Protein backbone atom coordinates (compact mmCIF):
# COMPACT_ATOMS: atom_id res chain seq x y z
CA MET A 1 12.96 -30.31 38.12
CA LYS A 2 11.47 -28.14 35.41
CA THR A 3 7.74 -28.69 34.42
CA ALA A 4 6.41 -28.02 31.16
CA ALA A 5 3.04 -24.61 30.73
CA ALA A 6 -0.39 -26.24 31.18
CA ASP A 7 -0.85 -24.94 27.80
CA LEU A 8 1.74 -26.41 26.45
CA ILE A 9 1.16 -29.89 27.60
CA THR A 10 -2.40 -29.31 26.08
CA LEU A 11 -0.94 -28.52 22.55
CA GLU A 12 1.45 -31.25 22.54
CA GLY A 13 -1.39 -33.67 23.41
CA GLY A 14 -3.67 -32.75 20.73
CA VAL A 15 -4.10 -34.21 17.59
CA VAL A 16 -2.75 -30.77 16.04
CA ARG A 17 1.21 -30.31 16.76
CA LYS A 18 2.33 -28.77 13.31
CA PRO A 19 3.11 -25.49 13.83
CA VAL A 20 1.27 -22.66 11.35
CA GLU A 21 2.20 -19.02 10.23
CA LEU A 22 -0.10 -15.99 10.29
CA TYR A 23 0.57 -13.39 7.39
CA HIS A 24 -1.05 -9.73 8.03
CA PHE A 25 -0.62 -7.95 4.98
CA TRP A 26 -1.67 -3.95 5.11
CA ARG A 27 -2.12 -1.11 3.06
CA GLY A 28 -3.40 2.08 4.43
CA SER A 29 -6.80 1.45 6.27
CA SER A 30 -6.98 -2.34 4.32
CA HIS A 31 -5.99 -4.71 6.14
CA TRP A 32 -5.99 -8.46 4.85
CA TYR A 33 -5.37 -11.53 7.41
CA LEU A 34 -4.20 -15.02 5.88
CA THR A 35 -2.81 -18.27 7.33
CA SER A 36 -0.85 -21.07 5.79
CA GLY A 37 -3.24 -23.18 8.15
CA ASP A 38 -6.52 -25.68 6.65
CA ALA A 39 -8.42 -23.69 9.17
CA THR A 40 -9.20 -20.08 10.26
CA VAL A 41 -7.33 -18.88 13.04
CA ALA A 42 -8.61 -16.31 15.45
CA TRP A 43 -5.77 -14.28 17.05
CA ASP A 44 -5.08 -11.57 18.46
CA ASP A 45 -1.43 -9.73 17.92
CA GLY A 46 -2.00 -6.74 19.47
CA ASN A 47 -4.38 -4.64 17.53
CA GLY A 48 -7.08 -7.10 18.58
CA SER A 49 -8.31 -10.25 17.29
CA GLN A 50 -8.42 -10.90 13.85
CA SER A 51 -9.62 -14.13 11.76
CA TYR A 52 -6.82 -15.29 9.98
CA THR A 53 -8.46 -17.00 6.22
CA PRO A 54 -6.78 -20.10 5.21
CA ALA A 55 -4.55 -19.58 2.20
CA ALA A 56 -2.07 -21.48 -0.22
CA ILE A 57 0.44 -19.85 1.01
CA SER A 58 4.18 -20.56 1.90
CA ARG A 59 7.78 -18.92 2.38
CA GLY A 60 11.50 -19.50 1.20
CA GLU A 61 14.24 -19.10 4.26
CA LEU A 62 14.72 -16.14 6.17
CA SER A 63 17.88 -14.03 5.08
CA TRP A 64 19.91 -11.90 8.10
CA ASN A 65 22.25 -9.29 7.87
CA SER A 66 25.23 -8.99 10.30
CA ASN A 67 22.84 -7.28 12.92
CA LEU A 68 20.99 -10.70 12.97
CA GLU A 69 18.08 -8.77 11.75
CA ALA A 70 15.77 -10.45 9.22
CA GLY A 71 16.53 -8.79 5.26
CA GLU A 72 14.28 -10.82 2.80
CA LEU A 73 11.99 -13.11 2.51
CA GLN A 74 10.68 -14.30 -0.40
CA ILE A 75 6.64 -16.25 -0.25
CA GLN A 76 4.69 -17.73 -2.73
CA MET A 77 0.97 -17.23 -2.65
CA GLN A 78 -2.39 -17.28 -4.76
CA ALA A 79 -1.92 -14.08 -7.66
CA SER A 80 -5.51 -13.44 -7.49
CA LEU A 81 -5.55 -12.19 -3.71
CA PRO A 82 -6.32 -8.76 -3.05
CA VAL A 83 -3.64 -7.84 -1.27
CA LEU A 84 -1.48 -8.04 -4.47
CA ALA A 85 -4.07 -6.06 -7.31
CA ASP A 86 -2.58 -3.11 -7.02
CA CYS A 87 0.98 -4.67 -7.12
CA LEU A 88 0.32 -6.53 -10.14
CA SER A 89 -1.24 -3.70 -12.02
CA GLY A 90 1.28 -1.66 -11.41
CA ALA A 91 -1.01 1.12 -9.42
CA ALA A 92 0.19 0.69 -5.86
CA VAL A 93 0.33 4.05 -4.80
CA ALA A 94 1.61 3.03 -1.02
CA PRO A 95 3.44 0.64 0.44
CA ALA A 96 2.29 -2.76 1.47
CA TRP A 97 3.39 -3.95 4.82
CA VAL A 98 3.41 -7.28 5.99
CA LYS A 99 3.79 -9.16 9.44
CA VAL A 100 4.90 -13.04 9.53
CA TRP A 101 3.99 -15.08 12.87
CA LYS A 102 4.41 -18.62 13.32
CA LEU A 103 2.65 -20.30 16.68
CA LEU A 104 1.26 -23.60 17.98
CA TYR A 105 -2.47 -24.07 17.39
CA ASP A 106 -4.56 -26.95 17.94
CA GLY A 107 -8.07 -25.75 16.79
CA SER A 108 -9.05 -23.48 19.62
CA ASN A 109 -5.82 -22.40 21.58
CA VAL A 110 -2.97 -20.70 20.43
CA ALA A 111 0.44 -20.75 22.18
CA TRP A 112 4.26 -20.03 21.59
CA PRO A 113 3.56 -17.19 19.11
CA SER A 114 6.99 -15.81 17.51
CA LEU A 115 7.45 -12.73 15.04
CA LEU A 116 9.50 -13.85 12.08
CA PHE A 117 9.32 -10.74 9.76
CA VAL A 118 8.08 -7.26 9.52
CA GLY A 119 8.55 -5.11 6.32
CA GLN A 120 7.25 -4.34 2.79
CA ILE A 121 6.49 -5.91 -0.73
CA LEU A 122 9.41 -5.03 -2.81
CA ASN A 123 8.08 -6.45 -5.55
CA VAL A 124 5.67 -9.37 -7.36
CA THR A 125 6.37 -11.47 -10.04
CA ALA A 126 3.10 -13.97 -11.59
CA THR A 127 2.73 -17.21 -13.42
CA GLY A 128 0.13 -18.40 -13.96
CA PRO A 129 -1.87 -18.21 -10.96
CA ASP A 130 0.26 -17.69 -8.47
CA ALA A 131 2.57 -14.94 -7.86
CA ALA A 132 6.09 -14.72 -6.05
CA VAL A 133 6.50 -12.27 -3.39
CA LYS A 134 9.72 -10.68 -2.26
CA LEU A 135 9.35 -8.96 0.74
CA VAL A 136 12.19 -6.35 2.59
CA GLY A 137 12.73 -5.76 5.82
CA LEU A 138 13.53 -2.77 7.92
CA ASP A 139 16.80 -2.51 7.46
CA TYR A 140 16.69 -2.50 3.69
CA LEU A 141 14.24 1.01 4.70
CA LEU A 142 16.87 2.28 6.89
CA LYS A 143 19.16 2.14 4.29
CA ARG A 144 17.40 4.98 2.01
CA GLU A 145 19.57 8.19 1.28
CA ILE A 146 19.54 10.96 3.82
CA PRO A 147 18.29 13.69 3.50
CA THR A 148 15.76 12.57 0.96
CA ARG A 149 14.59 15.92 0.05
CA CYS A 150 16.57 17.90 -2.93
CA TRP A 151 16.98 21.12 -3.56
CA GLN A 152 14.07 21.65 -6.43
CA ALA A 153 12.03 24.21 -7.91
CA GLU A 154 8.75 21.44 -7.41
CA CYS A 155 7.36 20.59 -4.11
CA PRO A 156 8.05 17.31 -2.71
CA TRP A 157 4.82 16.67 -0.21
CA ALA A 158 1.73 14.77 -1.65
CA VAL A 159 -0.52 16.55 -1.67
CA PHE A 160 -3.28 16.40 1.14
CA GLY A 161 -0.25 14.69 3.47
CA VAL A 162 0.46 15.76 6.53
CA GLU A 163 3.61 18.79 5.06
CA CYS A 164 0.78 19.90 2.84
CA THR A 165 -1.79 20.34 5.73
CA LEU A 166 -4.62 20.36 3.50
CA ASP A 167 -7.37 18.25 4.33
CA GLY A 168 -8.72 15.77 1.66
CA ASP A 169 -12.33 15.70 2.93
CA ASP A 170 -12.39 19.27 1.89
CA TRP A 171 -11.56 18.42 -1.90
CA LYS A 172 -13.28 15.03 -2.43
CA ILE A 173 -16.45 14.18 -4.19
CA THR A 174 -18.38 10.94 -4.13
CA PRO A 175 -20.35 10.88 -7.50
CA THR A 176 -22.09 7.69 -9.50
CA VAL A 177 -20.18 6.61 -12.19
CA THR A 178 -20.41 5.33 -15.71
CA VAL A 179 -17.89 2.86 -16.58
CA SER A 180 -16.40 2.30 -20.40
CA ALA A 181 -16.17 -1.17 -21.63
CA ASP A 182 -12.01 -1.05 -20.55
CA GLY A 183 -12.74 -0.27 -17.15
CA LEU A 184 -10.28 2.93 -17.37
CA THR A 185 -12.87 5.79 -18.28
CA LEU A 186 -15.24 6.79 -15.74
CA THR A 187 -17.85 9.14 -16.25
CA ALA A 188 -19.88 11.95 -14.26
CA ALA A 189 -21.19 15.39 -14.26
CA ALA A 190 -19.07 16.17 -11.01
CA PHE A 191 -15.91 15.69 -13.23
CA GLY A 192 -16.77 18.05 -15.70
CA ALA A 193 -17.73 20.47 -12.93
CA GLU A 194 -14.33 21.19 -12.81
CA ALA A 195 -11.89 22.66 -15.65
CA ASP A 196 -10.06 20.10 -17.68
CA GLY A 197 -7.08 18.49 -15.92
CA TRP A 198 -8.56 19.58 -12.13
CA TRP A 199 -8.78 15.49 -11.57
CA CYS A 200 -5.02 14.76 -13.41
CA LEU A 201 -2.61 13.18 -11.07
CA GLY A 202 -5.46 13.05 -8.28
CA SER A 203 -7.08 9.81 -7.52
CA VAL A 204 -10.02 7.55 -7.37
CA GLU A 205 -10.48 5.40 -4.54
CA VAL A 206 -13.34 2.13 -4.00
CA GLY A 207 -13.04 0.04 -1.27
CA ASN A 208 -9.34 -1.29 -0.80
CA TYR A 209 -8.29 -0.27 -4.50
CA LYS A 210 -6.89 3.17 -5.26
CA ARG A 211 -6.09 4.68 -8.63
CA MET A 212 -4.12 7.21 -10.12
CA VAL A 213 -5.78 9.65 -12.84
CA VAL A 214 -3.67 9.72 -15.33
CA ALA A 215 -6.36 12.36 -17.64
CA HIS A 216 -9.52 14.07 -17.52
CA VAL A 217 -11.27 15.96 -20.33
CA GLY A 218 -14.76 17.20 -19.55
CA ASN A 219 -17.17 14.43 -17.67
CA ASP A 220 -14.71 11.69 -17.87
CA VAL A 221 -11.55 10.92 -15.89
CA THR A 222 -8.80 7.94 -17.22
CA LEU A 223 -6.93 5.98 -14.65
CA ASP A 224 -4.04 4.22 -14.79
CA ALA A 225 -5.15 0.77 -14.01
CA VAL A 226 -8.56 -0.94 -13.81
CA ILE A 227 -10.58 -1.36 -10.50
CA PRO A 228 -11.88 -4.83 -9.71
CA GLY A 229 -15.06 -5.15 -9.56
CA LEU A 230 -16.61 -1.47 -10.59
CA VAL A 231 -19.26 -1.29 -12.71
CA THR A 232 -21.37 1.69 -13.67
CA GLY A 233 -23.71 2.93 -11.51
CA ASN A 234 -21.11 2.49 -8.26
CA ALA A 235 -19.95 5.83 -6.28
CA VAL A 236 -16.25 6.34 -6.12
CA THR A 237 -14.38 8.82 -3.95
CA ALA A 238 -12.26 10.86 -5.85
CA TYR A 239 -9.65 13.28 -5.14
CA PRO A 240 -7.69 16.16 -7.11
CA GLY A 241 -4.44 15.97 -7.95
CA CYS A 242 -1.21 18.51 -8.30
CA ASP A 243 2.17 18.77 -9.93
CA GLY A 244 4.21 20.55 -7.38
CA ASP A 245 4.28 23.49 -9.60
CA VAL A 246 3.89 26.72 -7.54
CA THR A 247 1.06 28.06 -9.36
CA THR A 248 -0.78 25.26 -8.37
CA CYS A 249 -0.72 25.37 -5.27
CA ARG A 250 -1.43 29.24 -5.05
CA ASP A 251 -4.13 28.91 -8.39
CA LYS A 252 -5.80 25.65 -7.08
CA TYR A 253 -4.92 25.19 -3.46
CA ASP A 254 -4.39 28.84 -2.05
CA ASN A 255 -1.44 26.84 -0.19
CA VAL A 256 1.65 28.22 -0.67
CA PRO A 257 2.98 29.60 3.01
CA ASN A 258 3.24 25.12 2.86
CA PHE A 259 4.73 24.81 -0.56
CA GLY A 260 7.64 22.59 0.20
CA GLY A 261 9.71 23.52 -2.98
CA ALA A 262 12.00 26.53 -4.29
CA PRO A 263 10.14 27.92 -7.41
CA TYR A 264 12.99 30.49 -7.61
CA ILE A 265 16.03 28.26 -7.68
CA PRO A 266 17.85 29.73 -10.12
CA ILE A 267 18.21 27.82 -13.70
CA ASP A 268 21.41 28.63 -15.00
CA ASN A 269 24.39 27.45 -12.06
CA PRO A 270 26.96 30.47 -11.68
CA THR A 271 29.55 27.71 -10.58
CA LEU A 272 29.80 25.99 -14.31
CA TRP A 273 30.13 29.85 -15.84
CA VAL A 274 33.42 29.28 -17.81
CA ASN A 275 34.64 32.58 -19.78
CA LYS A 276 30.82 33.78 -20.12
């Protein structure tokens, strides 16, 4: 005769028996932990114990592919939650990942955890205070064309990325800035220490937020989107950018040995010559 486990007996006899779901979002080193339950859940999903904060979040039905892998998931959540700020502003420079767990929780004990979904945020649509978030699973990511590199003059590497090999810490500055009324222009003497355009295509980071620099003239840099909460007197971390041109790689970074493009590829394709 089968016997129930002690933790299941405890949960079944408790007041709360309804399963709760945990949502772990992360982008780079920034992490957000949310739960659909009405109380904070402390739990370790393998990366250390974390507190999952109650939020107005719900999901639709999981869709499955022919290999019984979770393909897509639609969730509803508050548009004001920090994890969605970059997605809604169009300033997300790195993908946001998410794990969805389902488990039993009685206020102090966790049992029968089940991993429902792992994937990335594909897009976000806001309607008033709510947001519809479309998630895609790993099978979607594996459908990308391989190889992903093209035969091109420009370098395909991200500056300060693994292939670039340069260390961003050697190039960053951390100035205190003056913020314009619209929040898009930052002013600091440290920006003016470099020639105009030096910071273009670079980034400015504050906490969980990262914005691209779209213009640089003198002491001013212009961002592609506002950084929430940034005010005059705050410090930021700024990194210079790269346009992928071999002359930029040579003159600005002295990093031509790690240049990933083919700068001398012929512009005129001889296979298209007809009676020339």
